[in-house]
Amino acid sequence: MNKDLKNEYPEMSVSFHKNVVSSFEKLDEKQEMKKHNRSPFKMIAFAAAIIVLMSVTGFAANTVYEKFIKKENYKVTLNLNEDLTDTEKSTDAAKSPEYVKLNFGYMPDYLIPYDAPYKFSTEIKEDGTICSGLSFQLFKSELAKDLVITYVESSTEYMFGENKGAFMHINTGIETDGDAYDKEFIIYFEEFGYVLRCFLSERISEDEMIKIANGLSLEETDKEHAYIIDTYIPTVDNGGIIAPGIFSYATDAVVRELGETFDIKAYNRDVDGNDYTLSVKNIDIRDNVKGLDSVSFNLAGDISDYVDENGNLKSYERKTYNHGDGVNSISSIKESKTVGRKIVLVDIEVRNNENSANEFYIDAGICSISGTPDANRFSNFEASYISGQEGDSDGYYHIPFEAGEKKTVTYGFIIDADADFSDLMFIAGSMWDVTDGVVIAE
């Protein structure tokens, strides 16, 4: 068959294949009972009907119904025990073991476990950067029935031994650097009453994905060795995942003047009193990093990607998108533009009010005051520079202080040069409880 023509037809699911075979078997039985020779015209007509059925199954409207999954445009949902009564579903749920363990029959040597036994990286760089790999989520089936997978470009049902499942190719429409997650698979361990979801990186091939999936199994275990069960399913509304709304932390912050002091609690401490006293002494907006210690930068990539040999910040190609909802549409490029960069340097005087050594950590960031979509894209909630800290250290955002010590710390945020800096505010808080802010003005 011509390769191009072959690719015009969708790959059929296992259940569809079985139905076709069963239909031919039933036709054989009828022909045997009649003791007549097969009519070639009837067989041709039957085969033609099968071809039509194949076409309808693959392309009818934009909705594809299969035995295990339902795909509608870019959204996939699961069909779990839809033929059972509520009583039967409750009985099945009650039979599910409370603790299960996930076994890996095959895992490529280049995948490195990190953080937890269900996360793997394809590479952990010398600076501590963790590259994408794969990660797992495990749900009880009564919760997984509400699972919605979005931005699904294509899907294929698959049988993993006796377990139903499906592969999915994910496409958000946003260009990536080759280190994004672009594949998923789902396995329904019906015997245990659990559904496993796996996210896979562009770095992992389809062949490896299939080998990994085929090697997975569950077994009942005790609490000590149990796999973590996920209990969160993203909310779905109007056919799409609810994305975070347009927000502005500035609306919740008390606006402070330069030099004004305010108190703040230490991160993750629920005690009376204030652990630190802060005062924003100066805000400087620059187009270069001269005089700043290169060791104290924490950037996505090498500093040479951002700064030229003279210490000036480089321009870059910025792509802005019309964002899809992942259900009826995917994202598309709205504008591609070369823009410059600037760095906002915020000098903060910090005093440790404790009678013991402590680590100073705040949720510091730059956000839009107006909170409009266009303005909000200039928000930056992660410092790219902290004076006195090493950019590749695990404790980069945690600054050590002796008892009663007072010192000045400089935070740097890299922002696009065409931002309206009068609409930006430096904010500070603990555990995302934003309490105080200082307006930035160029």
Protein backbone atom coordinates (compact mmCIF):
# COMPACT_ATOMS: atom_id res chain seq x y z
CA MET A 1 0.00 0.00 0.00
CA ASN A 2 1.19 3.50 -0.79
CA LYS A 3 2.66 4.86 2.45
CA ASP A 4 1.03 8.27 2.08
CA LEU A 5 -2.36 6.71 1.41
CA LYS A 6 -1.97 4.33 4.33
CA ASN A 7 -1.41 7.26 6.70
CA GLU A 8 -4.73 8.76 5.66
CA TYR A 9 -6.58 6.07 7.64
CA PRO A 10 -6.63 6.04 11.44
CA GLU A 11 -5.24 3.14 13.44
CA MET A 12 -8.16 1.08 14.77
CA SER A 13 -8.56 0.24 18.44
CA VAL A 14 -8.25 -3.33 19.72
CA SER A 15 -11.98 -3.48 20.46
CA PHE A 16 -12.85 -2.41 16.91
CA HIS A 17 -10.55 -5.09 15.49
CA LYS A 18 -12.24 -7.74 17.63
CA ASN A 19 -15.69 -6.63 16.45
CA VAL A 20 -14.63 -6.95 12.80
CA VAL A 21 -13.21 -10.44 13.37
CA SER A 22 -16.36 -11.46 15.25
CA SER A 23 -18.54 -10.23 12.37
CA PHE A 24 -16.60 -12.37 9.88
CA GLU A 25 -16.90 -15.39 12.18
CA LYS A 26 -20.67 -14.96 12.46
CA LEU A 27 -20.90 -14.68 8.68
CA ASP A 28 -18.92 -17.94 8.36
CA GLU A 29 -21.33 -19.67 10.73
CA LYS A 30 -24.36 -18.56 8.73
CA GLN A 31 -22.80 -19.65 5.46
CA GLU A 32 -21.93 -23.05 6.95
CA MET A 33 -25.49 -23.55 8.19
CA LYS A 34 -26.92 -22.83 4.72
CA LYS A 35 -24.47 -25.27 3.10
CA HIS A 36 -24.05 -22.84 0.20
CA ASN A 37 -20.93 -21.50 -1.40
CA ARG A 38 -20.03 -17.95 -0.40
CA SER A 39 -21.23 -15.32 -2.81
CA PRO A 40 -18.27 -13.18 -3.87
CA PHE A 41 -20.65 -10.25 -4.36
CA LYS A 42 -21.92 -10.55 -0.76
CA MET A 43 -18.36 -10.70 0.56
CA ILE A 44 -17.37 -7.63 -1.45
CA ALA A 45 -20.43 -5.75 -0.18
CA PHE A 46 -19.67 -6.78 3.41
CA ALA A 47 -16.03 -5.67 3.10
CA ALA A 48 -17.18 -2.34 1.66
CA ALA A 49 -19.50 -1.88 4.65
CA ILE A 50 -16.55 -2.53 6.98
CA ILE A 51 -14.45 0.12 5.18
CA VAL A 52 -17.28 2.64 5.51
CA LEU A 53 -17.59 1.77 9.21
CA MET A 54 -13.85 2.30 9.65
CA SER A 55 -14.06 5.74 8.06
CA VAL A 56 -17.04 6.76 10.20
CA THR A 57 -15.37 5.52 13.38
CA GLY A 58 -12.23 7.51 12.66
CA PHE A 59 -13.67 10.75 11.35
CA ALA A 60 -17.34 11.17 12.32
CA ALA A 61 -17.77 14.83 13.33
CA ASN A 62 -15.01 15.77 15.79
CA THR A 63 -15.97 13.20 18.40
CA VAL A 64 -14.51 9.69 18.57
CA TYR A 65 -16.18 7.15 20.85
CA GLU A 66 -14.12 4.14 21.83
CA LYS A 67 -14.52 1.52 24.51
CA PHE A 68 -12.18 3.05 27.08
CA ILE A 69 -11.90 6.73 26.16
CA LYS A 70 -13.97 9.44 24.55
CA LYS A 71 -12.17 12.14 22.55
CA GLU A 72 -14.00 15.33 21.68
CA ASN A 73 -11.90 17.86 19.78
CA TYR A 74 -8.84 18.21 22.06
CA LYS A 75 -10.46 16.77 25.21
CA VAL A 76 -10.27 13.15 26.39
CA THR A 77 -12.40 11.62 29.14
CA LEU A 78 -12.50 8.06 30.44
CA ASN A 79 -15.33 5.53 30.26
CA LEU A 80 -14.94 3.52 33.47
CA ASN A 81 -17.57 0.88 34.26
CA GLU A 82 -20.26 2.91 32.52
CA ASP A 83 -22.37 -0.23 32.14
CA LEU A 84 -22.46 -0.90 35.92
CA THR A 85 -25.20 0.21 38.29
CA ASP A 86 -24.39 2.61 41.13
CA THR A 87 -24.56 -0.29 43.58
CA GLU A 88 -22.10 -2.33 41.52
CA LYS A 89 -19.76 0.66 41.26
CA SER A 90 -19.86 1.15 45.05
CA THR A 91 -19.13 -2.54 45.55
CA ASP A 92 -16.17 -2.39 43.17
CA ALA A 93 -14.81 0.71 44.94
CA ALA A 94 -15.08 -1.04 48.32
CA LYS A 95 -13.01 -3.95 46.96
CA SER A 96 -10.12 -1.66 45.96
CA PRO A 97 -7.11 -2.27 48.22
CA GLU A 98 -6.25 0.74 50.37
CA TYR A 99 -2.53 0.47 49.71
CA VAL A 100 -0.89 -0.48 46.42
CA LYS A 101 2.63 -0.43 45.05
CA LEU A 102 3.67 0.43 41.49
CA ASN A 103 6.23 -1.92 39.97
CA PHE A 104 8.47 -0.91 37.07
CA GLY A 105 9.19 -3.85 34.80
CA TYR A 106 11.26 -1.67 32.48
CA MET A 107 12.88 1.71 32.99
CA PRO A 108 15.65 3.03 30.70
CA ASP A 109 19.03 3.53 32.37
CA TYR A 110 19.13 7.20 31.39
CA LEU A 111 16.04 7.99 33.50
CA ILE A 112 17.11 9.16 36.96
CA PRO A 113 14.71 9.00 39.92
CA TYR A 114 14.46 12.24 41.92
CA ASP A 115 12.35 13.89 44.62
CA ALA A 116 10.01 10.88 44.86
CA PRO A 117 9.86 7.31 43.46
CA TYR A 118 7.34 8.38 40.84
CA LYS A 119 9.39 11.15 39.18
CA PHE A 120 12.24 10.55 36.75
CA SER A 121 14.53 12.98 34.93
CA THR A 122 16.41 12.42 31.68
CA GLU A 123 19.25 14.56 33.01
CA ILE A 124 20.24 16.40 36.17
CA LYS A 125 22.83 19.03 35.25
CA GLU A 126 25.82 20.11 37.33
CA ASP A 127 24.04 23.33 38.32
CA GLY A 128 21.13 21.28 39.71
CA THR A 129 18.77 21.89 36.78
CA ILE A 130 16.37 18.96 36.49
CA CYS A 131 15.46 18.17 32.88
CA SER A 132 12.09 16.70 32.01
CA GLY A 133 11.53 12.95 31.97
CA LEU A 134 8.40 11.25 33.22
CA SER A 135 6.14 11.31 36.23
CA PHE A 136 3.15 9.30 37.44
CA GLN A 137 -0.18 9.95 39.10
CA LEU A 138 -2.31 7.18 40.60
CA PHE A 139 -6.05 7.61 41.23
CA LYS A 140 -8.78 5.40 42.58
CA SER A 141 -11.14 4.66 39.72
CA GLU A 142 -14.17 6.38 41.30
CA LEU A 143 -12.15 9.62 41.25
CA ALA A 144 -10.45 9.01 37.88
CA LYS A 145 -13.83 8.81 36.11
CA ASP A 146 -13.89 12.62 36.38
CA LEU A 147 -10.42 12.99 34.88
CA VAL A 148 -10.22 15.33 31.87
CA ILE A 149 -7.12 15.41 29.68
CA THR A 150 -6.79 18.48 27.48
CA TYR A 151 -4.66 19.55 24.49
CA VAL A 152 -4.84 15.99 23.12
CA GLU A 153 -3.86 16.09 19.46
CA SER A 154 -4.33 12.34 18.89
CA SER A 155 -5.13 9.25 20.95
CA THR A 156 -4.89 5.49 20.52
CA GLU A 157 -6.45 2.81 22.67
CA TYR A 158 -4.10 0.07 23.79
CA MET A 159 -4.20 -3.12 25.85
CA PHE A 160 -1.44 -3.49 28.43
CA GLY A 161 -1.74 -7.20 29.07
CA GLU A 162 -5.27 -7.52 30.48
CA ASN A 163 -5.49 -3.82 31.32
CA LYS A 164 -7.23 -1.21 29.16
CA GLY A 165 -5.33 1.94 28.33
CA ALA A 166 -4.61 4.69 25.86
CA PHE A 167 -1.69 6.70 24.48
CA MET A 168 -2.10 10.42 23.81
CA HIS A 169 -0.02 13.01 22.00
CA ILE A 170 -0.23 16.43 23.69
CA ASN A 171 0.10 19.68 21.76
CA THR A 172 -0.50 23.00 23.52
CA GLY A 173 0.45 24.94 20.38
CA ILE A 174 3.23 26.74 22.26
CA GLU A 175 6.75 26.30 20.91
CA THR A 176 9.08 24.40 23.23
CA ASP A 177 12.81 24.03 23.68
CA GLY A 178 12.66 20.25 23.31
CA ASP A 179 12.30 19.71 27.05
CA ALA A 180 8.51 19.80 27.42
CA TYR A 181 5.98 17.07 28.19
CA ASP A 182 4.25 16.06 24.96
CA LYS A 183 2.94 12.53 25.64
CA GLU A 184 0.69 10.79 28.14
CA PHE A 185 -0.65 7.34 28.70
CA ILE A 186 -3.41 5.99 30.91
CA ILE A 187 -3.69 2.44 32.27
CA TYR A 188 -6.83 1.17 34.00
CA PHE A 189 -5.94 -1.55 36.53
CA GLU A 190 -9.53 -2.73 36.79
CA GLU A 191 -8.69 -5.64 39.11
CA PHE A 192 -7.36 -3.17 41.70
CA GLY A 193 -9.77 -0.31 40.97
CA TYR A 194 -7.00 2.17 40.14
CA VAL A 195 -6.09 4.34 37.16
CA LEU A 196 -2.48 5.27 36.43
CA ARG A 197 -1.60 8.42 34.48
CA CYS A 198 1.90 9.05 33.12
CA PHE A 199 3.38 12.26 31.66
CA LEU A 200 6.34 11.86 29.30
CA SER A 201 8.91 14.27 27.92
CA GLU A 202 9.80 15.01 24.32
CA ARG A 203 13.15 13.43 25.22
CA ILE A 204 11.52 9.98 25.52
CA SER A 205 10.72 8.15 22.27
CA GLU A 206 7.43 6.42 21.50
CA ASP A 207 9.14 3.01 21.48
CA GLU A 208 10.52 3.62 24.96
CA MET A 209 7.12 4.87 26.12
CA ILE A 210 5.46 1.62 25.02
CA LYS A 211 8.15 -0.49 26.72
CA ILE A 212 7.76 1.46 29.97
CA ALA A 213 3.97 1.19 29.87
CA ASN A 214 4.00 -2.55 29.13
CA GLY A 215 6.27 -3.17 32.11
CA LEU A 216 4.07 -1.48 34.72
CA SER A 217 2.03 -3.43 37.26
CA LEU A 218 0.33 -2.95 40.63
CA GLU A 219 0.39 -5.10 43.72
CA GLU A 220 -1.27 -4.77 47.10
CA THR A 221 1.08 -3.70 49.88
CA ASP A 222 1.17 -2.10 53.33
CA LYS A 223 1.11 1.59 54.27
CA GLU A 224 4.88 1.84 54.63
CA HIS A 225 5.58 0.75 51.03
CA ALA A 226 2.46 2.18 49.41
CA TYR A 227 2.49 4.43 46.39
CA ILE A 228 1.05 7.93 46.93
CA ILE A 229 -2.58 8.11 45.81
CA ASP A 230 -3.61 11.38 44.16
CA THR A 231 -6.86 12.94 45.31
CA TYR A 232 -6.94 16.11 43.17
CA ILE A 233 -8.71 16.32 39.82
CA PRO A 234 -8.62 19.73 38.04
CA THR A 235 -12.01 21.41 37.87
CA VAL A 236 -13.70 21.59 34.48
CA ASP A 237 -16.12 24.33 33.51
CA ASN A 238 -17.78 25.18 30.20
CA GLY A 239 -15.88 22.44 28.45
CA GLY A 240 -12.43 23.61 29.51
CA ILE A 241 -9.98 23.54 32.36
CA ILE A 242 -10.30 26.62 34.53
CA ALA A 243 -7.02 28.49 34.17
CA PRO A 244 -5.83 30.85 36.92
CA GLY A 245 -7.73 34.11 36.55
CA ILE A 246 -6.17 37.43 35.75
CA PHE A 247 -4.86 38.52 39.11
CA SER A 248 -2.81 41.22 40.72
CA TYR A 249 -1.22 40.63 44.10
CA ALA A 250 -0.84 44.41 44.19
CA THR A 251 -4.55 44.73 45.03
CA ASP A 252 -3.94 42.86 48.31
CA ALA A 253 -0.71 44.58 49.27
CA VAL A 254 -0.27 47.55 51.58
CA VAL A 255 1.56 50.14 49.49
CA ARG A 256 4.76 51.29 51.18
CA GLU A 257 7.03 54.22 50.44
CA LEU A 258 10.76 53.88 49.87
CA GLY A 259 12.47 53.78 53.24
CA GLU A 260 9.31 52.85 55.16
CA THR A 261 9.73 49.89 57.52
CA PHE A 262 7.34 46.97 57.88
CA ASP A 263 7.40 43.62 59.66
CA ILE A 264 7.05 40.14 58.25
CA LYS A 265 6.95 36.60 59.59
CA ALA A 266 9.49 33.99 58.68
CA TYR A 267 8.44 31.60 55.96
CA ASN A 268 6.24 28.68 57.08
CA ARG A 269 6.07 29.77 60.73
CA ASP A 270 2.71 30.07 62.44
CA VAL A 271 3.76 31.87 65.62
CA ASP A 272 2.98 35.19 67.27
CA GLY A 273 5.24 38.14 66.60
CA ASN A 274 7.20 39.30 63.59
CA ASP A 275 10.52 37.68 62.82
CA TYR A 276 11.94 40.31 60.46
CA THR A 277 11.78 44.02 59.86
CA LEU A 278 12.12 45.12 56.23
CA SER A 279 12.66 48.41 54.46
CA VAL A 280 12.97 48.90 50.69
CA LYS A 281 15.82 51.37 50.37
CA ASN A 282 16.19 51.70 46.61
CA ILE A 283 14.82 50.49 43.27
CA ASP A 284 17.04 50.76 40.22
CA ILE A 285 16.12 49.83 36.62
CA ARG A 286 19.10 49.07 34.38
CA ASP A 287 19.90 47.59 30.98
CA ASN A 288 23.19 46.08 32.15
CA VAL A 289 24.53 43.92 34.99
CA LYS A 290 27.85 45.69 35.49
CA GLY A 291 29.10 45.42 39.05
CA LEU A 292 26.85 42.45 39.86
CA ASP A 293 28.42 39.14 40.84
CA SER A 294 27.75 36.59 38.06
CA VAL A 295 27.77 33.79 40.66
CA SER A 296 24.63 35.22 42.27
CA PHE A 297 22.44 34.85 39.15
CA ASN A 298 19.91 32.03 38.93
CA LEU A 299 18.73 31.82 35.30
CA ALA A 300 17.10 29.33 32.97
CA GLY A 301 20.19 28.62 30.90
CA ASP A 302 23.65 30.16 30.90
CA ILE A 303 24.21 33.82 31.78
CA SER A 304 25.70 34.31 28.29
CA ASP A 305 22.18 33.74 26.91
CA TYR A 306 21.12 36.96 28.66
CA VAL A 307 24.23 39.15 28.82
CA ASP A 308 26.83 40.08 26.19
CA GLU A 309 30.58 40.36 26.76
CA ASN A 310 30.20 44.01 27.83
CA GLY A 311 27.65 43.20 30.54
CA ASN A 312 24.68 44.57 28.59
CA LEU A 313 21.41 42.62 28.61
CA LYS A 314 20.67 40.99 25.26
CA SER A 315 17.49 41.30 23.23
CA TYR A 316 15.51 38.17 22.46
CA GLU A 317 12.66 37.00 20.26
CA ARG A 318 9.46 37.19 22.31
CA LYS A 319 6.46 35.20 21.18
CA THR A 320 3.03 36.06 22.52
CA TYR A 321 0.13 33.68 22.07
CA ASN A 322 -3.59 33.51 21.69
CA HIS A 323 -4.15 30.89 24.35
CA GLY A 324 -6.47 28.00 23.58
CA ASP A 325 -8.67 26.34 26.17
CA GLY A 326 -7.27 22.88 25.46
CA VAL A 327 -10.74 21.58 24.65
CA ASN A 328 -11.94 23.34 21.53
CA SER A 329 -8.67 25.00 20.56
CA ILE A 330 -4.94 25.06 21.17
CA SER A 331 -2.69 28.09 21.46
CA SER A 332 -1.37 29.95 18.42
CA ILE A 333 1.25 32.65 17.95
CA LYS A 334 -0.26 36.14 18.05
CA GLU A 335 2.97 38.10 17.67
CA SER A 336 6.70 37.49 17.35
CA LYS A 337 8.83 40.48 18.26
CA THR A 338 12.44 41.27 19.13
CA VAL A 339 12.54 43.04 22.51
CA GLY A 340 15.21 44.18 24.90
CA ARG A 341 15.57 43.33 28.55
CA LYS A 342 16.04 45.33 31.73
CA ILE A 343 16.85 44.28 35.26
CA VAL A 344 14.94 45.70 38.23
CA LEU A 345 17.24 45.79 41.29
CA VAL A 346 15.51 46.12 44.67
CA ASP A 347 17.70 46.87 47.72
CA ILE A 348 16.05 45.66 50.94
CA GLU A 349 17.38 46.29 54.42
CA VAL A 350 16.52 43.27 56.57
CA ARG A 351 16.84 42.87 60.35
CA ASN A 352 16.47 39.51 62.07
CA ASN A 353 14.38 40.13 65.20
CA GLU A 354 14.98 36.66 66.58
CA ASN A 355 17.44 35.87 69.36
CA SER A 356 18.81 33.01 67.31
CA ALA A 357 20.24 32.45 63.84
CA ASN A 358 17.59 32.11 61.17
CA GLU A 359 17.09 31.84 57.41
CA PHE A 360 15.38 34.76 55.71
CA TYR A 361 13.01 33.76 52.92
CA ILE A 362 10.24 35.83 51.36
CA ASP A 363 7.94 35.41 48.41
CA ALA A 364 9.34 38.34 46.48
CA GLY A 365 8.24 39.32 43.00
CA ILE A 366 7.24 41.93 40.46
CA CYS A 367 3.56 42.16 39.54
CA SER A 368 1.20 44.35 37.55
CA ILE A 369 -0.86 46.91 39.45
CA SER A 370 -3.65 47.05 36.85
CA GLY A 371 -3.75 43.26 36.46
CA THR A 372 -4.75 43.42 32.77
CA PRO A 373 -3.75 40.44 30.58
CA ASP A 374 -1.22 42.44 28.56
CA ALA A 375 0.32 44.04 31.65
CA ASN A 376 0.29 40.81 33.64
CA ARG A 377 2.67 39.09 31.22
CA PHE A 378 5.45 41.31 32.56
CA SER A 379 4.96 39.90 36.07
CA ASN A 380 7.90 37.95 37.41
CA PHE A 381 7.59 35.99 40.64
CA GLU A 382 11.08 34.55 40.76
CA ALA A 383 14.22 36.57 41.40
CA SER A 384 17.00 36.08 38.85
CA TYR A 385 19.59 37.64 41.15
CA ILE A 386 20.09 37.67 44.94
CA SER A 387 23.24 39.31 46.25
CA GLY A 388 25.53 37.14 48.35
CA GLN A 389 23.87 33.90 47.22
CA GLU A 390 25.17 31.22 44.86
CA GLY A 391 22.83 30.69 41.90
CA ASP A 392 23.37 26.93 41.67
CA SER A 393 22.86 26.21 45.39
CA ASP A 394 19.85 24.36 46.80
CA GLY A 395 19.26 27.11 49.34
CA TYR A 396 19.46 29.98 46.87
CA TYR A 397 16.33 31.75 48.17
CA HIS A 398 17.15 31.14 51.85
CA ILE A 399 19.50 33.82 53.24
CA PRO A 400 21.25 33.08 56.55
CA PHE A 401 21.06 35.66 59.34
CA GLU A 402 22.69 35.68 62.75
CA ALA A 403 20.64 36.64 65.83
CA GLY A 404 19.76 40.34 65.64
CA GLU A 405 21.75 40.82 62.43
CA LYS A 406 20.85 43.59 59.98
CA LYS A 407 22.07 43.70 56.38
CA THR A 408 21.04 44.81 52.89
CA VAL A 409 20.03 42.20 50.29
CA THR A 410 19.58 43.04 46.60
CA TYR A 411 16.96 41.18 44.57
CA GLY A 412 17.08 41.36 40.77
CA PHE A 413 14.22 40.66 38.34
CA ILE A 414 14.71 40.53 34.56
CA ILE A 415 11.78 42.21 32.77
CA ASP A 416 11.08 42.99 29.11
CA ALA A 417 12.20 46.51 28.24
CA ASP A 418 8.85 47.56 26.76
CA ALA A 419 6.98 47.02 30.04
CA ASP A 420 5.13 49.95 31.62
CA PHE A 421 7.25 50.14 34.74
CA SER A 422 4.88 52.63 36.39
CA ASP A 423 2.31 49.79 36.37
CA LEU A 424 4.64 47.41 38.21
CA MET A 425 5.06 46.85 41.92
CA PHE A 426 7.64 44.99 43.99
CA ILE A 427 5.78 42.76 46.45
CA ALA A 428 6.89 40.85 49.53
CA GLY A 429 5.19 38.30 51.75
CA SER A 430 5.46 34.86 53.29
CA MET A 431 3.81 31.69 52.00
CA TRP A 432 2.07 33.72 49.25
CA ASP A 433 0.36 35.82 51.90
CA VAL A 434 1.35 39.04 50.17
CA THR A 435 1.30 41.86 52.67
CA ASP A 436 3.42 44.75 51.42
CA GLY A 437 4.45 46.36 48.15
CA VAL A 438 6.45 49.26 46.75
CA VAL A 439 5.52 50.86 43.41
CA ILE A 440 8.23 50.83 40.76
CA ALA A 441 8.68 53.94 38.61
CA GLU A 442 11.36 54.34 35.96
